[in-house]
Amino acid sequence: MNPPPDEERGSLLRGFTLGWVVLVGSWILVVIAWMLGVGADLRLTGEAQNALLAFGAMFPFVAMIALLVWFAAQGKPRSAAGVALAFASLVALVLLLVAACFGLLAGTNFH
């Protein structure tokens, strides 16, 4: 049995790019919803607004996982790997930013 051609297996670059587009786009949607006061417009209580905010904070990551699963279900493992690489690059970016903040604070003896 011959392996499928590369076009049928997806593209790492396509998965990586779509992973970042979904991540940034969903964060933009969550921020716009927060700025418009969706929870206040729905007349939600404080606990319900907090739950809506927690869901909004998790939504970008859930959207990335859904994209990864969708690519895998479509039989495009390279695109799914690209989405996983986008998530890994997000984790690396966060670690670098945290390290930079600690580096800046270390010069001030954390005062």
C-alpha atoms as a PDB file:
ATOM      1  CA  MET A   1       0.000   0.000   0.000  1.00  0.00           C
ATOM      2  CA  ASN A   2       1.451   3.370  -1.003  1.00  0.00           C
ATOM      3  CA  PRO A   3       1.379   6.298   1.427  1.00  0.00           C
ATOM      4  CA  PRO A   4      -0.922   9.173   0.437  1.00  0.00           C
ATOM      5  CA  PRO A   5       0.666  12.167  -1.281  1.00  0.00           C
ATOM      6  CA  ASP A   6       1.670  15.147   0.819  1.00  0.00           C
ATOM      7  CA  GLU A   7      -1.298  17.239  -0.378  1.00  0.00           C
ATOM      8  CA  GLU A   8      -3.717  14.759   1.166  1.00  0.00           C
ATOM      9  CA  ARG A   9      -1.853  14.677   4.489  1.00  0.00           C
ATOM     10  CA  GLY A  10      -2.118  18.431   5.062  1.00  0.00           C
ATOM     11  CA  SER A  11       0.553  21.031   5.646  1.00  0.00           C
ATOM     12  CA  LEU A  12       2.509  21.964   8.763  1.00  0.00           C
ATOM     13  CA  LEU A  13       2.507  25.633   7.753  1.00  0.00           C
ATOM     14  CA  ARG A  14      -1.259  25.638   7.158  1.00  0.00           C
ATOM     15  CA  GLY A  15      -1.912  24.052  10.546  1.00  0.00           C
ATOM     16  CA  PHE A  16       0.508  26.396  12.333  1.00  0.00           C
ATOM     17  CA  THR A  17      -0.983  29.470  10.680  1.00  0.00           C
ATOM     18  CA  LEU A  18      -4.582  28.421  11.252  1.00  0.00           C
ATOM     19  CA  GLY A  19      -3.766  27.562  14.867  1.00  0.00           C
ATOM     20  CA  TRP A  20      -2.486  31.087  15.525  1.00  0.00           C
ATOM     21  CA  VAL A  21      -5.358  32.655  13.558  1.00  0.00           C
ATOM     22  CA  VAL A  22      -7.915  30.731  15.616  1.00  0.00           C
ATOM     23  CA  LEU A  23      -6.118  31.606  18.857  1.00  0.00           C
ATOM     24  CA  VAL A  24      -5.780  35.337  18.166  1.00  0.00           C
ATOM     25  CA  GLY A  25      -9.193  35.602  16.517  1.00  0.00           C
ATOM     26  CA  SER A  26     -10.996  33.949  19.406  1.00  0.00           C
ATOM     27  CA  TRP A  27      -9.156  36.168  21.906  1.00  0.00           C
ATOM     28  CA  ILE A  28     -10.297  39.205  19.929  1.00  0.00           C
ATOM     29  CA  LEU A  29     -13.895  37.936  20.014  1.00  0.00           C
ATOM     30  CA  VAL A  30     -13.696  37.310  23.766  1.00  0.00           C
ATOM     31  CA  VAL A  31     -12.277  40.797  24.420  1.00  0.00           C
ATOM     32  CA  ILE A  32     -14.948  42.433  22.245  1.00  0.00           C
ATOM     33  CA  ALA A  33     -17.669  40.517  24.097  1.00  0.00           C
ATOM     34  CA  TRP A  34     -16.138  41.580  27.409  1.00  0.00           C
ATOM     35  CA  MET A  35     -15.908  45.226  26.302  1.00  0.00           C
ATOM     36  CA  LEU A  36     -19.525  45.206  25.158  1.00  0.00           C
ATOM     37  CA  GLY A  37     -20.542  43.878  28.562  1.00  0.00           C
ATOM     38  CA  VAL A  38     -22.281  40.716  27.398  1.00  0.00           C
ATOM     39  CA  GLY A  39     -22.715  39.505  30.979  1.00  0.00           C
ATOM     40  CA  ALA A  40     -24.223  42.817  32.097  1.00  0.00           C
ATOM     41  CA  ASP A  41     -26.575  42.914  29.107  1.00  0.00           C
ATOM     42  CA  LEU A  42     -27.863  39.477  30.004  1.00  0.00           C
ATOM     43  CA  ARG A  43     -28.474  40.694  33.573  1.00  0.00           C
ATOM     44  CA  LEU A  44     -26.348  37.927  35.022  1.00  0.00           C
ATOM     45  CA  THR A  45     -25.414  37.742  38.677  1.00  0.00           C
ATOM     46  CA  GLY A  46     -21.808  38.074  39.830  1.00  0.00           C
ATOM     47  CA  GLU A  47     -21.199  34.311  39.900  1.00  0.00           C
ATOM     48  CA  ALA A  48     -22.669  33.827  36.436  1.00  0.00           C
ATOM     49  CA  GLN A  49     -20.548  36.695  35.075  1.00  0.00           C
ATOM     50  CA  ASN A  50     -17.462  35.058  36.577  1.00  0.00           C
ATOM     51  CA  ALA A  51     -18.412  31.732  34.969  1.00  0.00           C
ATOM     52  CA  LEU A  52     -18.900  33.476  31.624  1.00  0.00           C
ATOM     53  CA  LEU A  53     -15.504  35.147  32.009  1.00  0.00           C
ATOM     54  CA  ALA A  54     -13.880  31.783  32.839  1.00  0.00           C
ATOM     55  CA  PHE A  55     -15.473  30.229  29.761  1.00  0.00           C
ATOM     56  CA  GLY A  56     -14.240  33.156  27.683  1.00  0.00           C
ATOM     57  CA  ALA A  57     -10.717  32.657  29.004  1.00  0.00           C
ATOM     58  CA  MET A  58     -10.782  28.965  28.057  1.00  0.00           C
ATOM     59  CA  PHE A  59     -12.510  29.420  24.688  1.00  0.00           C
ATOM     60  CA  PRO A  60      -9.342  30.116  22.616  1.00  0.00           C
ATOM     61  CA  PHE A  61      -7.678  26.934  23.869  1.00  0.00           C
ATOM     62  CA  VAL A  62     -10.823  24.870  23.318  1.00  0.00           C
ATOM     63  CA  ALA A  63     -11.039  26.281  19.776  1.00  0.00           C
ATOM     64  CA  MET A  64      -7.428  25.228  19.090  1.00  0.00           C
ATOM     65  CA  ILE A  65      -8.082  21.719  20.383  1.00  0.00           C
ATOM     66  CA  ALA A  66     -11.238  21.529  18.242  1.00  0.00           C
ATOM     67  CA  LEU A  67      -9.214  22.586  15.189  1.00  0.00           C
ATOM     68  CA  LEU A  68      -6.596  19.934  15.959  1.00  0.00           C
ATOM     69  CA  VAL A  69      -9.254  17.235  16.316  1.00  0.00           C
ATOM     70  CA  TRP A  70     -10.966  18.394  13.109  1.00  0.00           C
ATOM     71  CA  PHE A  71      -7.736  18.132  11.115  1.00  0.00           C
ATOM     72  CA  ALA A  72      -7.051  14.686  12.584  1.00  0.00           C
ATOM     73  CA  ALA A  73     -10.581  13.510  11.748  1.00  0.00           C
ATOM     74  CA  GLN A  74     -10.179  14.774   8.171  1.00  0.00           C
ATOM     75  CA  GLY A  75      -7.085  12.607   7.780  1.00  0.00           C
ATOM     76  CA  LYS A  76      -4.623  15.517   7.717  1.00  0.00           C
ATOM     77  CA  PRO A  77      -2.046  14.591  10.362  1.00  0.00           C
ATOM     78  CA  ARG A  78       0.509  17.170   9.202  1.00  0.00           C
ATOM     79  CA  SER A  79      -1.982  20.013   9.631  1.00  0.00           C
ATOM     80  CA  ALA A  80      -2.921  18.640  13.063  1.00  0.00           C
ATOM     81  CA  ALA A  81       0.779  18.596  13.969  1.00  0.00           C
ATOM     82  CA  GLY A  82       1.008  22.218  12.800  1.00  0.00           C
ATOM     83  CA  VAL A  83      -1.772  23.198  15.206  1.00  0.00           C
ATOM     84  CA  ALA A  84       0.049  21.343  17.998  1.00  0.00           C
ATOM     85  CA  LEU A  85       3.217  23.271  17.102  1.00  0.00           C
ATOM     86  CA  ALA A  86       1.248  26.535  17.294  1.00  0.00           C
ATOM     87  CA  PHE A  87       0.133  25.590  20.803  1.00  0.00           C
ATOM     88  CA  ALA A  88       3.714  24.652  21.753  1.00  0.00           C
ATOM     89  CA  SER A  89       4.979  27.985  20.414  1.00  0.00           C
ATOM     90  CA  LEU A  90       2.373  29.752  22.562  1.00  0.00           C
ATOM     91  CA  VAL A  91       3.672  27.935  25.650  1.00  0.00           C
ATOM     92  CA  ALA A  92       7.262  28.847  24.707  1.00  0.00           C
ATOM     93  CA  LEU A  93       6.278  32.487  24.227  1.00  0.00           C
ATOM     94  CA  VAL A  94       4.627  32.623  27.644  1.00  0.00           C
ATOM     95  CA  LEU A  95       7.694  31.058  29.288  1.00  0.00           C
ATOM     96  CA  LEU A  96       9.986  33.576  27.612  1.00  0.00           C
ATOM     97  CA  LEU A  97       7.829  36.500  28.706  1.00  0.00           C
ATOM     98  CA  VAL A  98       7.704  35.254  32.290  1.00  0.00           C
ATOM     99  CA  ALA A  99      11.483  34.781  32.303  1.00  0.00           C
ATOM    100  CA  ALA A 100      11.958  38.306  30.939  1.00  0.00           C
ATOM    101  CA  CYS A 101       9.749  39.748  33.683  1.00  0.00           C
ATOM    102  CA  PHE A 102      11.675  37.897  36.371  1.00  0.00           C
ATOM    103  CA  GLY A 103      14.921  39.091  34.791  1.00  0.00           C
ATOM    104  CA  LEU A 104      13.750  42.697  34.961  1.00  0.00           C
ATOM    105  CA  LEU A 105      12.582  42.333  38.546  1.00  0.00           C
ATOM    106  CA  ALA A 106      15.819  40.620  39.606  1.00  0.00           C
ATOM    107  CA  GLY A 107      17.711  43.843  38.862  1.00  0.00           C
ATOM    108  CA  THR A 108      15.561  45.657  41.414  1.00  0.00           C
ATOM    109  CA  ASN A 109      15.854  42.963  44.125  1.00  0.00           C
ATOM    110  CA  PHE A 110      12.098  42.448  43.648  1.00  0.00           C
ATOM    111  CA  HIS A 111      11.234  45.774  45.294  1.00  0.00           C
END
